[in-house]
C-alpha atoms as a PDB file:
ATOM      1  CA  UNK A   1    -129.907  25.046-176.981  1.00  0.00           C
ATOM      2  CA  UNK A   2    -132.716  24.997-174.549  1.00  0.00           C
ATOM      3  CA  UNK A   3    -134.534  27.742-172.624  1.00  0.00           C
ATOM      4  CA  UNK A   4    -132.409  27.007-169.613  1.00  0.00           C
ATOM      5  CA  UNK A   5    -129.098  27.638-171.321  1.00  0.00           C
ATOM      6  CA  UNK A   6    -130.291  30.838-172.960  1.00  0.00           C
ATOM      7  CA  UNK A   7    -131.449  32.239-169.601  1.00  0.00           C
ATOM      8  CA  UNK A   8    -128.134  31.199-167.966  1.00  0.00           C
ATOM      9  CA  UNK A   9    -126.012  32.789-170.586  1.00  0.00           C
ATOM     10  CA  UNK A  10    -128.047  36.001-170.413  1.00  0.00           C
ATOM     11  CA  UNK A  11    -127.867  36.131-166.588  1.00  0.00           C
ATOM     12  CA  UNK A  12    -124.205  35.437-166.762  1.00  0.00           C
ATOM     13  CA  UNK A  13    -123.615  38.439-169.147  1.00  0.00           C
ATOM     14  CA  UNK A  14    -125.972  40.673-167.321  1.00  0.00           C
ATOM     15  CA  UNK A  15    -124.561  39.932-163.862  1.00  0.00           C
ATOM     16  CA  UNK A  16    -120.986  40.307-164.916  1.00  0.00           C
ATOM     17  CA  UNK A  17    -121.533  43.725-166.582  1.00  0.00           C
ATOM     18  CA  UNK A  18    -123.847  44.927-163.823  1.00  0.00           C
ATOM     19  CA  UNK A  19    -121.277  44.130-161.229  1.00  0.00           C
ATOM     20  CA  UNK A  20    -118.599  45.718-163.030  1.00  0.00           C
ATOM     21  CA  UNK A  21    -120.403  48.736-164.371  1.00  0.00           C
ATOM     22  CA  UNK A  22    -122.803  49.453-161.504  1.00  0.00           C
ATOM     23  CA  UNK A  23    -122.020  47.715-158.274  1.00  0.00           C
ATOM     24  CA  UNK A  24    -118.371  48.050-158.104  1.00  0.00           C
ATOM     25  CA  UNK A  25    -118.712  51.803-158.088  1.00  0.00           C
ATOM     26  CA  UNK A  26    -121.521  51.790-155.703  1.00  0.00           C
ATOM     27  CA  UNK A  27    -120.100  52.731-152.342  1.00  0.00           C
ATOM     28  CA  UNK A  28    -122.475  52.551-149.346  1.00  0.00           C
ATOM     29  CA  UNK A  29    -121.355  54.220-146.141  1.00  0.00           C
ATOM     30  CA  UNK A  30    -117.884  54.549-147.786  1.00  0.00           C
ATOM     31  CA  UNK A  31    -116.839  51.014-147.737  1.00  0.00           C
ATOM     32  CA  UNK A  32    -119.691  48.656-148.388  1.00  0.00           C
ATOM     33  CA  UNK A  33    -119.666  47.446-151.959  1.00  0.00           C
ATOM     34  CA  UNK A  34    -122.389  44.893-152.723  1.00  0.00           C
ATOM     35  CA  UNK A  35    -121.514  41.719-154.669  1.00  0.00           C
ATOM     36  CA  UNK A  36    -124.479  40.574-156.645  1.00  0.00           C
ATOM     37  CA  UNK A  37    -122.890  38.391-159.206  1.00  0.00           C
ATOM     38  CA  UNK A  38    -123.494  35.693-156.655  1.00  0.00           C
ATOM     39  CA  UNK A  39    -127.088  35.458-158.075  1.00  0.00           C
ATOM     40  CA  UNK A  40    -125.561  33.347-160.871  1.00  0.00           C
ATOM     41  CA  UNK A  41    -125.023  30.510-158.256  1.00  0.00           C
ATOM     42  CA  UNK A  42    -128.590  30.751-157.328  1.00  0.00           C
ATOM     43  CA  UNK A  43    -129.990  30.756-160.943  1.00  0.00           C
ATOM     44  CA  UNK A  44    -127.901  27.744-162.144  1.00  0.00           C
ATOM     45  CA  UNK A  45    -130.162  24.732-161.564  1.00  0.00           C
ATOM     46  CA  UNK A  46    -129.158  22.318-158.717  1.00  0.00           C
ATOM     47  CA  UNK A  47    -129.213  19.087-160.847  1.00  0.00           C
ATOM     48  CA  UNK A  48    -127.062  20.692-163.832  1.00  0.00           C
ATOM     49  CA  UNK A  49    -123.553  19.799-164.678  1.00  0.00           C
ATOM     50  CA  UNK A  50    -121.207  20.421-161.948  1.00  0.00           C
ATOM     51  CA  UNK A  51    -117.976  20.512-164.153  1.00  0.00           C
ATOM     52  CA  UNK A  52    -119.623  23.238-166.197  1.00  0.00           C
ATOM     53  CA  UNK A  53    -120.538  25.114-163.100  1.00  0.00           C
ATOM     54  CA  UNK A  54    -116.907  25.107-161.923  1.00  0.00           C
ATOM     55  CA  UNK A  55    -115.685  26.295-165.300  1.00  0.00           C
ATOM     56  CA  UNK A  56    -118.414  29.141-165.301  1.00  0.00           C
ATOM     57  CA  UNK A  57    -117.480  30.163-161.800  1.00  0.00           C
ATOM     58  CA  UNK A  58    -113.893  30.474-162.857  1.00  0.00           C
ATOM     59  CA  UNK A  59    -114.877  32.474-165.983  1.00  0.00           C
ATOM     60  CA  UNK A  60    -117.212  34.652-163.866  1.00  0.00           C
ATOM     61  CA  UNK A  61    -114.624  35.500-161.504  1.00  0.00           C
ATOM     62  CA  UNK A  62    -111.956  36.012-164.047  1.00  0.00           C
ATOM     63  CA  UNK A  63    -114.140  38.371-166.067  1.00  0.00           C
ATOM     64  CA  UNK A  64    -115.041  40.382-162.942  1.00  0.00           C
ATOM     65  CA  UNK A  65    -111.221  40.587-161.848  1.00  0.00           C
ATOM     66  CA  UNK A  66    -110.181  41.449-165.366  1.00  0.00           C
ATOM     67  CA  UNK A  67    -112.883  44.193-166.039  1.00  0.00           C
ATOM     68  CA  UNK A  68    -112.418  45.660-162.639  1.00  0.00           C
ATOM     69  CA  UNK A  69    -108.591  45.217-162.443  1.00  0.00           C
ATOM     70  CA  UNK A  70    -108.652  43.595-159.215  1.00  0.00           C
ATOM     71  CA  UNK A  71    -106.046  41.040-158.130  1.00  0.00           C
ATOM     72  CA  UNK A  72    -107.812  37.736-158.641  1.00  0.00           C
ATOM     73  CA  UNK A  73    -109.825  37.536-155.486  1.00  0.00           C
ATOM     74  CA  UNK A  74    -113.044  37.366-157.190  1.00  0.00           C
ATOM     75  CA  UNK A  75    -111.835  34.417-159.136  1.00  0.00           C
ATOM     76  CA  UNK A  76    -110.671  32.314-156.247  1.00  0.00           C
ATOM     77  CA  UNK A  77    -113.788  33.093-154.184  1.00  0.00           C
ATOM     78  CA  UNK A  78    -116.052  32.317-157.048  1.00  0.00           C
ATOM     79  CA  UNK A  79    -114.168  29.124-157.828  1.00  0.00           C
ATOM     80  CA  UNK A  80    -114.486  27.991-154.145  1.00  0.00           C
ATOM     81  CA  UNK A  81    -118.231  28.622-154.280  1.00  0.00           C
ATOM     82  CA  UNK A  82    -118.451  26.624-157.465  1.00  0.00           C
ATOM     83  CA  UNK A  83    -116.752  23.667-155.625  1.00  0.00           C
ATOM     84  CA  UNK A  84    -118.742  24.042-152.348  1.00  0.00           C
ATOM     85  CA  UNK A  85    -122.109  24.747-153.855  1.00  0.00           C
ATOM     86  CA  UNK A  86    -123.221  20.952-153.827  1.00  0.00           C
ATOM     87  CA  UNK A  87    -122.264  20.765-150.038  1.00  0.00           C
ATOM     88  CA  UNK A  88    -124.097  24.063-149.455  1.00  0.00           C
ATOM     89  CA  UNK A  89    -127.247  22.692-151.189  1.00  0.00           C
ATOM     90  CA  UNK A  90    -127.214  19.515-149.196  1.00  0.00           C
ATOM     91  CA  UNK A  91    -126.499  21.183-145.907  1.00  0.00           C
ATOM     92  CA  UNK A  92    -129.201  23.868-146.645  1.00  0.00           C
ATOM     93  CA  UNK A  93    -132.107  21.575-148.056  1.00  0.00           C
ATOM     94  CA  UNK A  94    -131.110  18.315-146.458  1.00  0.00           C
ATOM     95  CA  UNK A  95    -129.965  15.096-147.793  1.00  0.00           C
ATOM     96  CA  UNK A  96    -133.413  13.681-148.667  1.00  0.00           C
ATOM     97  CA  UNK A  97    -134.951  12.452-151.882  1.00  0.00           C
ATOM     98  CA  UNK A  98    -136.997  15.536-152.507  1.00  0.00           C
ATOM     99  CA  UNK A  99    -134.081  17.844-153.299  1.00  0.00           C
ATOM    100  CA  UNK A 100    -135.436  20.588-155.384  1.00  0.00           C
ATOM    101  CA  UNK A 101    -134.393  20.904-159.127  1.00  0.00           C
ATOM    102  CA  UNK A 102    -133.657  24.662-158.717  1.00  0.00           C
ATOM    103  CA  UNK A 103    -133.712  27.443-156.195  1.00  0.00           C
ATOM    104  CA  UNK A 104    -137.099  28.709-157.554  1.00  0.00           C
ATOM    105  CA  UNK A 105    -138.863  25.280-157.564  1.00  0.00           C
ATOM    106  CA  UNK A 106    -138.537  24.811-153.717  1.00  0.00           C
ATOM    107  CA  UNK A 107    -141.295  26.259-151.468  1.00  0.00           C
ATOM    108  CA  UNK A 108    -139.314  26.099-148.153  1.00  0.00           C
ATOM    109  CA  UNK A 109    -138.513  29.829-147.627  1.00  0.00           C
ATOM    110  CA  UNK A 110    -136.330  29.277-144.502  1.00  0.00           C
ATOM    111  CA  UNK A 111    -134.146  26.693-146.445  1.00  0.00           C
ATOM    112  CA  UNK A 112    -133.752  28.994-149.397  1.00  0.00           C
ATOM    113  CA  UNK A 113    -132.840  32.001-147.073  1.00  0.00           C
ATOM    114  CA  UNK A 114    -130.274  29.609-145.364  1.00  0.00           C
ATOM    115  CA  UNK A 115    -128.733  28.793-148.749  1.00  0.00           C
ATOM    116  CA  UNK A 116    -128.492  32.495-149.586  1.00  0.00           C
ATOM    117  CA  UNK A 117    -126.890  33.214-146.409  1.00  0.00           C
ATOM    118  CA  UNK A 118    -124.356  30.446-146.534  1.00  0.00           C
ATOM    119  CA  UNK A 119    -123.388  31.101-150.031  1.00  0.00           C
ATOM    120  CA  UNK A 120    -122.982  34.787-149.535  1.00  0.00           C
ATOM    121  CA  UNK A 121    -121.052  34.714-146.249  1.00  0.00           C
ATOM    122  CA  UNK A 122    -118.670  32.067-147.300  1.00  0.00           C
ATOM    123  CA  UNK A 123    -117.970  33.875-150.606  1.00  0.00           C
ATOM    124  CA  UNK A 124    -117.454  37.187-148.857  1.00  0.00           C
ATOM    125  CA  UNK A 125    -115.249  35.682-146.109  1.00  0.00           C
ATOM    126  CA  UNK A 126    -112.970  34.105-148.706  1.00  0.00           C
ATOM    127  CA  UNK A 127    -112.937  37.307-150.769  1.00  0.00           C
ATOM    128  CA  UNK A 128    -112.113  39.760-147.960  1.00  0.00           C
ATOM    129  CA  UNK A 129    -109.498  37.328-146.502  1.00  0.00           C
ATOM    130  CA  UNK A 130    -107.703  37.366-149.800  1.00  0.00           C
ATOM    131  CA  UNK A 131    -108.050  41.089-150.111  1.00  0.00           C
ATOM    132  CA  UNK A 132    -106.433  42.021-146.802  1.00  0.00           C
ATOM    133  CA  UNK A 133    -104.411  38.627-146.396  1.00  0.00           C
ATOM    134  CA  UNK A 134    -103.102  39.530-143.004  1.00  0.00           C
ATOM    135  CA  UNK A 135    -103.857  38.390-139.466  1.00  0.00           C
ATOM    136  CA  UNK A 136    -103.519  41.984-138.345  1.00  0.00           C
ATOM    137  CA  UNK A 137    -106.568  42.788-140.439  1.00  0.00           C
ATOM    138  CA  UNK A 138    -108.887  40.144-138.767  1.00  0.00           C
ATOM    139  CA  UNK A 139    -111.403  42.771-137.491  1.00  0.00           C
ATOM    140  CA  UNK A 140    -111.427  44.573-140.750  1.00  0.00           C
ATOM    141  CA  UNK A 141    -112.075  41.321-142.612  1.00  0.00           C
ATOM    142  CA  UNK A 142    -114.855  40.377-140.075  1.00  0.00           C
ATOM    143  CA  UNK A 143    -116.401  43.931-140.362  1.00  0.00           C
ATOM    144  CA  UNK A 144    -116.430  44.024-144.164  1.00  0.00           C
ATOM    145  CA  UNK A 145    -117.635  40.346-144.379  1.00  0.00           C
ATOM    146  CA  UNK A 146    -120.596  41.003-142.243  1.00  0.00           C
ATOM    147  CA  UNK A 147    -121.760  44.439-143.561  1.00  0.00           C
ATOM    148  CA  UNK A 148    -121.059  43.639-147.038  1.00  0.00           C
ATOM    149  CA  UNK A 149    -122.911  40.309-146.731  1.00  0.00           C
ATOM    150  CA  UNK A 150    -125.910  41.967-145.116  1.00  0.00           C
ATOM    151  CA  UNK A 151    -126.153  44.531-147.865  1.00  0.00           C
ATOM    152  CA  UNK A 152    -125.654  42.000-150.629  1.00  0.00           C
ATOM    153  CA  UNK A 153    -128.230  39.811-149.166  1.00  0.00           C
ATOM    154  CA  UNK A 154    -130.817  42.666-149.010  1.00  0.00           C
ATOM    155  CA  UNK A 155    -130.174  43.457-152.565  1.00  0.00           C
ATOM    156  CA  UNK A 156    -130.237  39.849-153.720  1.00  0.00           C
ATOM    157  CA  UNK A 157    -133.620  39.242-151.872  1.00  0.00           C
ATOM    158  CA  UNK A 158    -135.063  42.391-153.499  1.00  0.00           C
ATOM    159  CA  UNK A 159    -133.774  41.205-156.885  1.00  0.00           C
ATOM    160  CA  UNK A 160    -135.081  37.546-156.451  1.00  0.00           C
ATOM    161  CA  UNK A 161    -138.439  38.970-155.570  1.00  0.00           C
ATOM    162  CA  UNK A 162    -138.769  40.381-159.144  1.00  0.00           C
ATOM    163  CA  UNK A 163    -138.578  36.889-160.612  1.00  0.00           C
ATOM    164  CA  UNK A 164    -141.754  34.979-160.865  1.00  0.00           C
ATOM    165  CA  UNK A 165    -141.939  31.481-159.176  1.00  0.00           C
ATOM    166  CA  UNK A 166    -140.759  29.283-161.989  1.00  0.00           C
ATOM    167  CA  UNK A 167    -140.792  25.510-161.696  1.00  0.00           C
END
């Protein structure tokens, strides 16, 4: 087991329990609930096994749904992000030969921010669409997606600034 595998396992466990114990009970302005377990998709290296990522994204969503007793929306949204992540990486960083090995090894701040925004907004849009699952709630879905994405992005950027730039 290499260092990357150990860090991935520890971040997986920490993010699951942090989301379930702390962030699911944090209500900002009465309805905004930050979703920070998306950091796992950022920590996972870009060139690593895609099949393992899809399995881990299913397990991540399932554990959060199981521990918070929600209806499966986290599982479907996480699994979708697991499938779409290579496309989001290519769209954010370009389809060039100098694709970074990980989020932390790239120096292009705008591309990293664009990657974060795309990952978060797509996840939250799928999540809130599944939670409300009605065309009558389109304004509620949009409002929750925007505000929760903003708050989650702010917390993710603050959290990512605590990590040293590792290559």
